[in-house]
PDB file of N, CA and C in Angstrom:
ATOM      1  N   UNK A   1      -7.256  -4.395  -8.138  1.00  0.00           N
ATOM      2  CA  UNK A   1      -6.022  -3.705  -7.628  1.00  0.00           C
ATOM      3  C   UNK A   1      -5.005  -3.536  -8.673  1.00  0.00           C
ATOM      4  N   UNK A   2      -4.590  -2.445  -8.722  1.00  0.00           N
ATOM      5  CA  UNK A   2      -3.597  -1.992  -9.838  1.00  0.00           C
ATOM      6  C   UNK A   2      -2.112  -2.531  -9.568  1.00  0.00           C
ATOM      7  N   UNK A   3      -1.518  -3.237 -10.563  1.00  0.00           N
ATOM      8  CA  UNK A   3      -0.238  -3.693 -10.394  1.00  0.00           C
ATOM      9  C   UNK A   3       0.723  -2.436 -10.422  1.00  0.00           C
ATOM     10  N   UNK A   4       1.440  -2.170  -9.530  1.00  0.00           N
ATOM     11  CA  UNK A   4       2.513  -1.128  -9.510  1.00  0.00           C
ATOM     12  C   UNK A   4       3.793  -1.480  -9.852  1.00  0.00           C
ATOM     13  N   UNK A   5       4.614  -0.916 -10.721  1.00  0.00           N
ATOM     14  CA  UNK A   5       6.006  -1.214 -11.188  1.00  0.00           C
ATOM     15  C   UNK A   5       6.864  -0.091 -10.886  1.00  0.00           C
ATOM     16  N   UNK A   6       8.103  -0.330 -11.285  1.00  0.00           N
ATOM     17  CA  UNK A   6       9.164   0.755 -11.262  1.00  0.00           C
ATOM     18  C   UNK A   6       8.804   1.814 -12.247  1.00  0.00           C
ATOM     19  N   UNK A   7       8.001   1.575 -13.284  1.00  0.00           N
ATOM     20  CA  UNK A   7       7.735   2.542 -14.306  1.00  0.00           C
ATOM     21  C   UNK A   7       6.544   3.421 -13.997  1.00  0.00           C
ATOM     22  N   UNK A   8       5.581   2.918 -13.117  1.00  0.00           N
ATOM     23  CA  UNK A   8       4.347   3.607 -12.818  1.00  0.00           C
ATOM     24  C   UNK A   8       4.128   4.108 -11.492  1.00  0.00           C
ATOM     25  N   UNK A   9       5.009   3.653 -10.439  1.00  0.00           N
ATOM     26  CA  UNK A   9       4.678   4.003  -9.129  1.00  0.00           C
ATOM     27  C   UNK A   9       4.470   5.473  -8.774  1.00  0.00           C
ATOM     28  N   UNK A  10       5.612   6.400  -9.216  1.00  0.00           N
ATOM     29  CA  UNK A  10       5.509   7.680  -8.890  1.00  0.00           C
ATOM     30  C   UNK A  10       4.115   8.287  -9.734  1.00  0.00           C
ATOM     31  N   UNK A  11       3.767   8.046 -10.931  1.00  0.00           N
ATOM     32  CA  UNK A  11       2.569   8.661 -11.273  1.00  0.00           C
ATOM     33  C   UNK A  11       1.445   7.907 -10.385  1.00  0.00           C
ATOM     34  N   UNK A  12       1.278   6.877  -9.914  1.00  0.00           N
ATOM     35  CA  UNK A  12       0.249   6.339  -9.166  1.00  0.00           C
ATOM     36  C   UNK A  12       0.152   7.097  -7.927  1.00  0.00           C
ATOM     37  N   UNK A  13       1.261   7.333  -7.034  1.00  0.00           N
ATOM     38  CA  UNK A  13       1.257   7.966  -5.884  1.00  0.00           C
ATOM     39  C   UNK A  13       1.031   9.495  -5.973  1.00  0.00           C
ATOM     40  N   UNK A  14       1.444  10.113  -7.041  1.00  0.00           N
ATOM     41  CA  UNK A  14       1.551  11.651  -7.110  1.00  0.00           C
ATOM     42  C   UNK A  14       0.473  12.232  -7.818  1.00  0.00           C
ATOM     43  N   UNK A  15      -0.486  11.427  -8.241  1.00  0.00           N
ATOM     44  CA  UNK A  15      -1.847  11.767  -8.853  1.00  0.00           C
ATOM     45  C   UNK A  15      -2.537  12.716  -7.849  1.00  0.00           C
ATOM     46  N   UNK A  16      -2.819  13.803  -8.360  1.00  0.00           N
ATOM     47  CA  UNK A  16      -3.541  14.762  -7.603  1.00  0.00           C
ATOM     48  C   UNK A  16      -5.068  14.814  -7.925  1.00  0.00           C
ATOM     49  N   UNK A  17      -5.783  13.878  -7.592  1.00  0.00           N
ATOM     50  CA  UNK A  17      -7.227  13.866  -7.795  1.00  0.00           C
ATOM     51  C   UNK A  17      -8.072  13.774  -6.551  1.00  0.00           C
ATOM     52  N   UNK A  18      -7.433  14.150  -5.549  1.00  0.00           N
ATOM     53  CA  UNK A  18      -8.137  14.075  -4.188  1.00  0.00           C
ATOM     54  C   UNK A  18      -8.630  12.675  -3.510  1.00  0.00           C
ATOM     55  N   UNK A  19      -8.205  11.760  -4.320  1.00  0.00           N
ATOM     56  CA  UNK A  19      -8.361  10.350  -3.816  1.00  0.00           C
ATOM     57  C   UNK A  19      -7.051   9.891  -2.977  1.00  0.00           C
ATOM     58  N   UNK A  20      -7.185   8.976  -1.978  1.00  0.00           N
ATOM     59  CA  UNK A  20      -6.233   8.311  -1.193  1.00  0.00           C
ATOM     60  C   UNK A  20      -5.711   7.162  -2.226  1.00  0.00           C
ATOM     61  N   UNK A  21      -4.397   7.182  -2.219  1.00  0.00           N
ATOM     62  CA  UNK A  21      -3.759   6.123  -2.982  1.00  0.00           C
ATOM     63  C   UNK A  21      -2.898   5.116  -1.730  1.00  0.00           C
ATOM     64  N   UNK A  22      -3.110   3.859  -1.873  1.00  0.00           N
ATOM     65  CA  UNK A  22      -2.523   2.936  -1.057  1.00  0.00           C
ATOM     66  C   UNK A  22      -1.634   2.095  -1.781  1.00  0.00           C
ATOM     67  N   UNK A  23      -0.330   2.028  -1.540  1.00  0.00           N
ATOM     68  CA  UNK A  23       0.611   1.175  -2.162  1.00  0.00           C
ATOM     69  C   UNK A  23       1.160   0.165  -1.270  1.00  0.00           C
ATOM     70  N   UNK A  24       0.698  -1.244  -1.373  1.00  0.00           N
ATOM     71  CA  UNK A  24       1.370  -2.277  -0.539  1.00  0.00           C
ATOM     72  C   UNK A  24       2.334  -2.806  -1.308  1.00  0.00           C
ATOM     73  N   UNK A  25       3.630  -2.852  -0.507  1.00  0.00           N
ATOM     74  CA  UNK A  25       4.828  -3.278  -0.877  1.00  0.00           C
ATOM     75  C   UNK A  25       5.191  -4.658  -0.240  1.00  0.00           C
ATOM     76  N   UNK A  26       5.449  -5.705  -1.062  1.00  0.00           N
ATOM     77  CA  UNK A  26       5.746  -6.937  -0.423  1.00  0.00           C
ATOM     78  C   UNK A  26       6.555  -7.737  -1.466  1.00  0.00           C
ATOM     79  N   UNK A  27       6.400  -9.045  -1.084  1.00  0.00           N
ATOM     80  CA  UNK A  27       7.131 -10.200  -1.908  1.00  0.00           C
ATOM     81  C   UNK A  27       6.435 -11.424  -1.702  1.00  0.00           C
ATOM     82  N   UNK A  28       6.561 -12.246  -2.837  1.00  0.00           N
ATOM     83  CA  UNK A  28       5.898 -13.591  -2.804  1.00  0.00           C
ATOM     84  C   UNK A  28       6.682 -14.441  -1.933  1.00  0.00           C
ATOM     85  N   UNK A  29       7.884 -14.092  -1.459  1.00  0.00           N
ATOM     86  CA  UNK A  29       8.843 -14.884  -0.636  1.00  0.00           C
ATOM     87  C   UNK A  29       8.520 -14.745   0.912  1.00  0.00           C
ATOM     88  N   UNK A  30       7.663 -13.594   1.136  1.00  0.00           N
ATOM     89  CA  UNK A  30       7.354 -13.295   2.567  1.00  0.00           C
ATOM     90  C   UNK A  30       6.085 -13.733   2.997  1.00  0.00           C
ATOM     91  N   UNK A  31       6.118 -14.645   4.086  1.00  0.00           N
ATOM     92  CA  UNK A  31       4.780 -15.154   4.468  1.00  0.00           C
ATOM     93  C   UNK A  31       3.763 -14.057   5.159  1.00  0.00           C
ATOM     94  N   UNK A  32       4.121 -12.977   5.813  1.00  0.00           N
ATOM     95  CA  UNK A  32       3.174 -11.948   6.240  1.00  0.00           C
ATOM     96  C   UNK A  32       2.565 -11.364   5.021  1.00  0.00           C
ATOM     97  N   UNK A  33       3.364 -11.199   3.923  1.00  0.00           N
ATOM     98  CA  UNK A  33       2.881 -10.517   2.595  1.00  0.00           C
ATOM     99  C   UNK A  33       1.962 -11.451   1.975  1.00  0.00           C
ATOM    100  N   UNK A  34       2.145 -12.651   1.870  1.00  0.00           N
ATOM    101  CA  UNK A  34       1.208 -13.547   1.271  1.00  0.00           C
ATOM    102  C   UNK A  34      -0.161 -13.646   2.016  1.00  0.00           C
ATOM    103  N   UNK A  35      -0.067 -13.519   3.415  1.00  0.00           N
ATOM    104  CA  UNK A  35      -1.377 -13.485   4.257  1.00  0.00           C
ATOM    105  C   UNK A  35      -2.012 -12.323   4.035  1.00  0.00           C
ATOM    106  N   UNK A  36      -1.405 -11.127   3.701  1.00  0.00           N
ATOM    107  CA  UNK A  36      -2.046  -9.810   3.462  1.00  0.00           C
ATOM    108  C   UNK A  36      -2.696  -9.775   2.092  1.00  0.00           C
ATOM    109  N   UNK A  37      -1.949 -10.533   1.244  1.00  0.00           N
ATOM    110  CA  UNK A  37      -2.496 -10.712  -0.175  1.00  0.00           C
ATOM    111  C   UNK A  37      -3.889 -11.360  -0.085  1.00  0.00           C
ATOM    112  N   UNK A  38      -3.966 -12.230   0.766  1.00  0.00           N
ATOM    113  CA  UNK A  38      -5.347 -12.878   0.721  1.00  0.00           C
ATOM    114  C   UNK A  38      -6.521 -11.985   1.333  1.00  0.00           C
ATOM    115  N   UNK A  39      -6.262 -11.219   2.115  1.00  0.00           N
ATOM    116  CA  UNK A  39      -7.294 -10.222   2.740  1.00  0.00           C
ATOM    117  C   UNK A  39      -7.548  -8.916   2.184  1.00  0.00           C
ATOM    118  N   UNK A  40      -6.311  -8.559   1.355  1.00  0.00           N
ATOM    119  CA  UNK A  40      -6.445  -7.314   0.638  1.00  0.00           C
ATOM    120  C   UNK A  40      -7.724  -6.991  -0.306  1.00  0.00           C
ATOM    121  N   UNK A  41      -7.901  -8.003  -1.022  1.00  0.00           N
ATOM    122  CA  UNK A  41      -9.131  -7.719  -1.787  1.00  0.00           C
ATOM    123  C   UNK A  41     -10.534  -7.396  -1.198  1.00  0.00           C
ATOM    124  N   UNK A  42     -10.757  -8.112  -0.084  1.00  0.00           N
ATOM    125  CA  UNK A  42     -11.912  -7.574   0.858  1.00  0.00           C
ATOM    126  C   UNK A  42     -11.735  -6.410   1.394  1.00  0.00           C
ATOM    127  N   UNK A  43     -10.491  -6.018   1.840  1.00  0.00           N
ATOM    128  CA  UNK A  43     -10.282  -4.601   2.407  1.00  0.00           C
ATOM    129  C   UNK A  43     -10.469  -3.574   1.330  1.00  0.00           C
ATOM    130  N   UNK A  44     -10.051  -3.869   0.149  1.00  0.00           N
ATOM    131  CA  UNK A  44     -10.333  -2.770  -1.040  1.00  0.00           C
ATOM    132  C   UNK A  44     -11.942  -2.664  -1.174  1.00  0.00           C
ATOM    133  N   UNK A  45     -12.598  -3.636  -1.076  1.00  0.00           N
ATOM    134  CA  UNK A  45     -14.129  -3.550  -1.081  1.00  0.00           C
ATOM    135  C   UNK A  45     -14.761  -2.748  -0.168  1.00  0.00           C
ATOM    136  N   UNK A  46     -13.944  -2.790   0.997  1.00  0.00           N
ATOM    137  CA  UNK A  46     -14.746  -2.009   2.208  1.00  0.00           C
ATOM    138  C   UNK A  46     -14.365  -0.524   2.112  1.00  0.00           C
ATOM    139  N   UNK A  47     -13.339  -0.195   1.313  1.00  0.00           N
ATOM    140  CA  UNK A  47     -12.891   1.195   1.185  1.00  0.00           C
ATOM    141  C   UNK A  47     -12.732   1.525  -0.308  1.00  0.00           C
ATOM    142  N   UNK A  48     -13.808   1.660  -0.952  1.00  0.00           N
ATOM    143  CA  UNK A  48     -13.946   2.171  -2.269  1.00  0.00           C
ATOM    144  C   UNK A  48     -13.363   3.462  -2.794  1.00  0.00           C
ATOM    145  N   UNK A  49     -13.297   4.282  -1.609  1.00  0.00           N
ATOM    146  CA  UNK A  49     -12.725   5.682  -1.666  1.00  0.00           C
ATOM    147  C   UNK A  49     -11.160   5.737  -1.834  1.00  0.00           C
ATOM    148  N   UNK A  50     -10.642   4.466  -1.707  1.00  0.00           N
ATOM    149  CA  UNK A  50      -9.218   4.352  -1.715  1.00  0.00           C
ATOM    150  C   UNK A  50      -8.689   3.663  -2.871  1.00  0.00           C
ATOM    151  N   UNK A  51      -7.844   4.078  -3.691  1.00  0.00           N
ATOM    152  CA  UNK A  51      -7.163   3.363  -4.763  1.00  0.00           C
ATOM    153  C   UNK A  51      -6.105   2.466  -4.407  1.00  0.00           C
ATOM    154  N   UNK A  52      -6.158   1.256  -4.301  1.00  0.00           N
ATOM    155  CA  UNK A  52      -5.198   0.339  -3.935  1.00  0.00           C
ATOM    156  C   UNK A  52      -4.249  -0.148  -5.105  1.00  0.00           C
ATOM    157  N   UNK A  53      -2.894  -0.132  -4.777  1.00  0.00           N
ATOM    158  CA  UNK A  53      -2.016  -0.776  -5.747  1.00  0.00           C
ATOM    159  C   UNK A  53      -1.045  -1.680  -5.044  1.00  0.00           C
ATOM    160  N   UNK A  54      -0.437  -2.406  -5.873  1.00  0.00           N
ATOM    161  CA  UNK A  54       0.314  -3.621  -5.212  1.00  0.00           C
ATOM    162  C   UNK A  54       1.717  -3.664  -5.848  1.00  0.00           C
ATOM    163  N   UNK A  55       2.822  -3.780  -5.167  1.00  0.00           N
ATOM    164  CA  UNK A  55       4.248  -3.767  -5.824  1.00  0.00           C
ATOM    165  C   UNK A  55       4.891  -4.957  -5.303  1.00  0.00           C
ATOM    166  N   UNK A  56       5.588  -5.741  -6.078  1.00  0.00           N
ATOM    167  CA  UNK A  56       6.378  -6.867  -5.802  1.00  0.00           C
ATOM    168  C   UNK A  56       7.980  -6.398  -5.613  1.00  0.00           C
ATOM    169  N   UNK A  57       8.563  -6.166  -4.497  1.00  0.00           N
ATOM    170  CA  UNK A  57       9.928  -5.736  -4.393  1.00  0.00           C
ATOM    171  C   UNK A  57      10.951  -6.597  -5.177  1.00  0.00           C
ATOM    172  N   UNK A  58      10.584  -8.006  -5.458  1.00  0.00           N
ATOM    173  CA  UNK A  58      11.465  -8.708  -6.120  1.00  0.00           C
ATOM    174  C   UNK A  58      11.700  -8.286  -7.620  1.00  0.00           C
ATOM    175  N   UNK A  59      10.661  -7.592  -7.976  1.00  0.00           N
ATOM    176  CA  UNK A  59      10.606  -7.199  -9.354  1.00  0.00           C
ATOM    177  C   UNK A  59      10.804  -5.571  -9.472  1.00  0.00           C
ATOM    178  N   UNK A  60      10.954  -4.771  -8.413  1.00  0.00           N
ATOM    179  CA  UNK A  60      10.854  -3.342  -8.317  1.00  0.00           C
ATOM    180  C   UNK A  60      12.003  -2.770  -7.512  1.00  0.00           C
ATOM    181  N   UNK A  61      13.089  -2.823  -8.171  1.00  0.00           N
ATOM    182  CA  UNK A  61      14.221  -2.264  -7.449  1.00  0.00           C
ATOM    183  C   UNK A  61      14.372  -0.663  -7.140  1.00  0.00           C
ATOM    184  N   UNK A  62      13.578  -0.001  -8.009  1.00  0.00           N
ATOM    185  CA  UNK A  62      13.421   1.381  -7.727  1.00  0.00           C
ATOM    186  C   UNK A  62      12.572   1.901  -6.641  1.00  0.00           C
ATOM    187  N   UNK A  63      11.449   0.988  -6.553  1.00  0.00           N
ATOM    188  CA  UNK A  63      10.523   1.169  -5.421  1.00  0.00           C
ATOM    189  C   UNK A  63      11.340   1.032  -4.148  1.00  0.00           C
ATOM    190  N   UNK A  64      11.953   0.048  -4.082  1.00  0.00           N
ATOM    191  CA  UNK A  64      12.721  -0.546  -2.802  1.00  0.00           C
ATOM    192  C   UNK A  64      13.509   0.634  -2.465  1.00  0.00           C
ATOM    193  N   UNK A  65      14.468   1.266  -3.598  1.00  0.00           N
ATOM    194  CA  UNK A  65      15.309   2.262  -3.288  1.00  0.00           C
ATOM    195  C   UNK A  65      14.616   3.631  -2.916  1.00  0.00           C
ATOM    196  N   UNK A  66      13.429   4.002  -3.432  1.00  0.00           N
ATOM    197  CA  UNK A  66      12.886   5.130  -3.324  1.00  0.00           C
ATOM    198  C   UNK A  66      12.308   5.229  -1.781  1.00  0.00           C
ATOM    199  N   UNK A  67      11.684   4.183  -1.204  1.00  0.00           N
ATOM    200  CA  UNK A  67      11.205   4.255   0.039  1.00  0.00           C
ATOM    201  C   UNK A  67      12.153   3.518   1.127  1.00  0.00           C
ATOM    202  N   UNK A  68      13.436   3.202   0.698  1.00  0.00           N
ATOM    203  CA  UNK A  68      14.304   2.714   1.670  1.00  0.00           C
ATOM    204  C   UNK A  68      13.847   1.601   2.372  1.00  0.00           C
ATOM    205  N   UNK A  69      13.250   0.563   1.736  1.00  0.00           N
ATOM    206  CA  UNK A  69      12.535  -0.570   2.473  1.00  0.00           C
ATOM    207  C   UNK A  69      13.502  -1.195   3.339  1.00  0.00           C
ATOM    208  N   UNK A  70      13.237  -1.535   4.400  1.00  0.00           N
ATOM    209  CA  UNK A  70      14.021  -2.365   5.409  1.00  0.00           C
ATOM    210  C   UNK A  70      13.364  -3.728   5.788  1.00  0.00           C
ATOM    211  N   UNK A  71      11.934  -3.479   5.819  1.00  0.00           N
ATOM    212  CA  UNK A  71      11.148  -4.817   6.235  1.00  0.00           C
ATOM    213  C   UNK A  71       9.694  -4.716   5.245  1.00  0.00           C
ATOM    214  N   UNK A  72       9.135  -5.884   5.136  1.00  0.00           N
ATOM    215  CA  UNK A  72       8.052  -5.905   4.332  1.00  0.00           C
ATOM    216  C   UNK A  72       6.916  -6.906   5.229  1.00  0.00           C
ATOM    217  N   UNK A  73       5.654  -6.789   5.054  1.00  0.00           N
ATOM    218  CA  UNK A  73       5.197  -5.848   4.075  1.00  0.00           C
ATOM    219  C   UNK A  73       4.922  -4.570   4.566  1.00  0.00           C
ATOM    220  N   UNK A  74       4.649  -3.414   3.790  1.00  0.00           N
ATOM    221  CA  UNK A  74       4.434  -2.117   4.073  1.00  0.00           C
ATOM    222  C   UNK A  74       3.395  -1.635   3.261  1.00  0.00           C
ATOM    223  N   UNK A  75       2.572  -0.608   3.884  1.00  0.00           N
ATOM    224  CA  UNK A  75       1.525  -0.038   2.807  1.00  0.00           C
ATOM    225  C   UNK A  75       1.802   1.492   3.159  1.00  0.00           C
ATOM    226  N   UNK A  76       2.087   2.425   2.028  1.00  0.00           N
ATOM    227  CA  UNK A  76       2.144   3.635   1.963  1.00  0.00           C
ATOM    228  C   UNK A  76       0.913   4.167   1.638  1.00  0.00           C
ATOM    229  N   UNK A  77       0.424   5.201   2.381  1.00  0.00           N
ATOM    230  CA  UNK A  77      -0.813   5.883   1.864  1.00  0.00           C
ATOM    231  C   UNK A  77      -0.425   7.392   1.328  1.00  0.00           C
ATOM    232  N   UNK A  78      -0.986   7.772   0.246  1.00  0.00           N
ATOM    233  CA  UNK A  78      -0.820   9.146  -0.279  1.00  0.00           C
ATOM    234  C   UNK A  78      -2.122   9.747  -0.647  1.00  0.00           C
ATOM    235  N   UNK A  79      -2.132  11.242  -0.610  1.00  0.00           N
ATOM    236  CA  UNK A  79      -3.129  11.935  -0.982  1.00  0.00           C
ATOM    237  C   UNK A  79      -2.478  13.170  -1.640  1.00  0.00           C
ATOM    238  N   UNK A  80      -2.987  13.409  -2.922  1.00  0.00           N
ATOM    239  CA  UNK A  80      -2.639  14.581  -3.681  1.00  0.00           C
ATOM    240  C   UNK A  80      -1.087  14.724  -3.656  1.00  0.00           C
ATOM    241  N   UNK A  81      -0.414  13.499  -3.880  1.00  0.00           N
ATOM    242  CA  UNK A  81       0.928  13.641  -4.004  1.00  0.00           C
ATOM    243  C   UNK A  81       1.851  13.615  -2.730  1.00  0.00           C
ATOM    244  N   UNK A  82       1.171  13.533  -1.595  1.00  0.00           N
ATOM    245  CA  UNK A  82       1.810  13.644  -0.263  1.00  0.00           C
ATOM    246  C   UNK A  82       1.391  12.497   0.503  1.00  0.00           C
ATOM    247  N   UNK A  83       2.466  11.934   1.260  1.00  0.00           N
ATOM    248  CA  UNK A  83       2.434  10.618   2.100  1.00  0.00           C
ATOM    249  C   UNK A  83       1.590  11.114   3.355  1.00  0.00           C
ATOM    250  N   UNK A  84       0.503  10.562   3.685  1.00  0.00           N
ATOM    251  CA  UNK A  84      -0.382  10.762   4.816  1.00  0.00           C
ATOM    252  C   UNK A  84      -0.181   9.777   5.928  1.00  0.00           C
ATOM    253  N   UNK A  85       0.153   8.509   5.536  1.00  0.00           N
ATOM    254  CA  UNK A  85       0.429   7.468   6.681  1.00  0.00           C
ATOM    255  C   UNK A  85       1.310   6.383   5.979  1.00  0.00           C
ATOM    256  N   UNK A  86       1.672   5.441   6.926  1.00  0.00           N
ATOM    257  CA  UNK A  86       2.372   4.251   6.541  1.00  0.00           C
ATOM    258  C   UNK A  86       2.142   3.302   7.578  1.00  0.00           C
ATOM    259  N   UNK A  87       1.943   1.975   7.364  1.00  0.00           N
ATOM    260  CA  UNK A  87       1.888   0.830   8.221  1.00  0.00           C
ATOM    261  C   UNK A  87       2.788  -0.096   7.803  1.00  0.00           C
ATOM    262  N   UNK A  88       3.497  -0.778   8.738  1.00  0.00           N
ATOM    263  CA  UNK A  88       4.690  -1.645   8.408  1.00  0.00           C
ATOM    264  C   UNK A  88       4.212  -2.982   9.225  1.00  0.00           C
ATOM    265  N   UNK A  89       4.351  -4.154   8.509  1.00  0.00           N
ATOM    266  CA  UNK A  89       4.154  -5.379   8.968  1.00  0.00           C
ATOM    267  C   UNK A  89       2.533  -5.808   8.783  1.00  0.00           C
ATOM    268  N   UNK A  90       2.158  -7.035   9.227  1.00  0.00           N
ATOM    269  CA  UNK A  90       0.644  -7.328   9.085  1.00  0.00           C
ATOM    270  C   UNK A  90       0.437  -8.445  10.163  1.00  0.00           C
ATOM    271  N   UNK A  91      -0.537  -8.094  11.025  1.00  0.00           N
ATOM    272  CA  UNK A  91      -0.880  -9.218  11.950  1.00  0.00           C
ATOM    273  C   UNK A  91      -2.471  -9.569  11.654  1.00  0.00           C
ATOM    274  N   UNK A  92      -3.466  -8.546  11.331  1.00  0.00           N
ATOM    275  CA  UNK A  92      -4.564  -9.345  11.200  1.00  0.00           C
ATOM    276  C   UNK A  92      -5.324  -8.081  10.404  1.00  0.00           C
ATOM    277  N   UNK A  93      -6.506  -8.388   9.685  1.00  0.00           N
ATOM    278  CA  UNK A  93      -7.190  -7.469   8.901  1.00  0.00           C
ATOM    279  C   UNK A  93      -7.882  -6.559   9.785  1.00  0.00           C
ATOM    280  N   UNK A  94      -8.356  -6.928  11.194  1.00  0.00           N
ATOM    281  CA  UNK A  94      -9.075  -5.916  11.932  1.00  0.00           C
ATOM    282  C   UNK A  94      -8.097  -4.767  12.292  1.00  0.00           C
ATOM    283  N   UNK A  95      -6.912  -5.133  12.726  1.00  0.00           N
ATOM    284  CA  UNK A  95      -5.919  -3.954  12.845  1.00  0.00           C
ATOM    285  C   UNK A  95      -5.840  -3.030  11.796  1.00  0.00           C
ATOM    286  N   UNK A  96      -5.724  -3.613  10.521  1.00  0.00           N
ATOM    287  CA  UNK A  96      -5.573  -2.879   9.387  1.00  0.00           C
ATOM    288  C   UNK A  96      -6.703  -2.024   8.915  1.00  0.00           C
ATOM    289  N   UNK A  97      -7.929  -2.559   9.070  1.00  0.00           N
ATOM    290  CA  UNK A  97      -9.098  -1.829   8.923  1.00  0.00           C
ATOM    291  C   UNK A  97      -9.150  -0.711  10.105  1.00  0.00           C
ATOM    292  N   UNK A  98      -8.853  -0.878  11.242  1.00  0.00           N
ATOM    293  CA  UNK A  98      -8.868   0.266  12.236  1.00  0.00           C
ATOM    294  C   UNK A  98      -7.925   1.233  11.931  1.00  0.00           C
ATOM    295  N   UNK A  99      -6.626   0.856  11.344  1.00  0.00           N
ATOM    296  CA  UNK A  99      -5.898   1.890  11.081  1.00  0.00           C
ATOM    297  C   UNK A  99      -6.197   2.790  10.004  1.00  0.00           C
ATOM    298  N   UNK A 100      -6.789   2.167   8.903  1.00  0.00           N
ATOM    299  CA  UNK A 100      -7.423   2.891   7.702  1.00  0.00           C
ATOM    300  C   UNK A 100      -8.322   3.940   8.245  1.00  0.00           C
ATOM    301  N   UNK A 101      -9.287   3.470   9.126  1.00  0.00           N
ATOM    302  CA  UNK A 101     -10.245   4.384   9.594  1.00  0.00           C
ATOM    303  C   UNK A 101      -9.836   5.522  10.494  1.00  0.00           C
ATOM    304  N   UNK A 102      -8.862   5.204  11.444  1.00  0.00           N
ATOM    305  CA  UNK A 102      -8.312   6.164  12.327  1.00  0.00           C
ATOM    306  C   UNK A 102      -7.272   6.974  11.755  1.00  0.00           C
ATOM    307  N   UNK A 103      -6.250   6.507  11.069  1.00  0.00           N
ATOM    308  CA  UNK A 103      -5.143   7.184  10.468  1.00  0.00           C
ATOM    309  C   UNK A 103      -5.145   7.773   9.159  1.00  0.00           C
ATOM    310  N   UNK A 104      -5.844   7.050   8.326  1.00  0.00           N
ATOM    311  CA  UNK A 104      -5.851   7.477   6.821  1.00  0.00           C
ATOM    312  C   UNK A 104      -6.875   8.247   6.446  1.00  0.00           C
ATOM    313  N   UNK A 105      -8.167   7.837   6.781  1.00  0.00           N
ATOM    314  CA  UNK A 105      -9.289   8.467   6.463  1.00  0.00           C
ATOM    315  C   UNK A 105      -9.578   9.728   7.150  1.00  0.00           C
ATOM    316  N   UNK A 106      -8.874   9.965   8.357  1.00  0.00           N
ATOM    317  CA  UNK A 106      -8.995  11.125   8.973  1.00  0.00           C
ATOM    318  C   UNK A 106      -8.008  12.155   8.762  1.00  0.00           C
ATOM    319  N   UNK A 107      -7.091  11.654   7.806  1.00  0.00           N
ATOM    320  CA  UNK A 107      -5.904  12.634   7.476  1.00  0.00           C
ATOM    321  C   UNK A 107      -6.330  13.591   6.412  1.00  0.00           C
TER     322      UNK A 107
END
């Protein structure tokens, strides 16, 4: 999973290569973010057609401002430079997998 920073987040999201980009935004001080970090590697294996990136808000002020983040974790999904979906919070991996299948891959 690619580490995304203030310097490369626009390039990551705006790449027009036909692939879905997923940017997980969170913080190491956020318990739901840490739970998501544990399962995200397995989820990335299930969806090889999606490029996953991860940004830490504690080190990424520009990302925080760009998305006007009010709560974390959040995952933004982009394709060909356009946002196609967004999910806020994290309850369990089954809900996230279902969201990706129904909202992201169908877009």
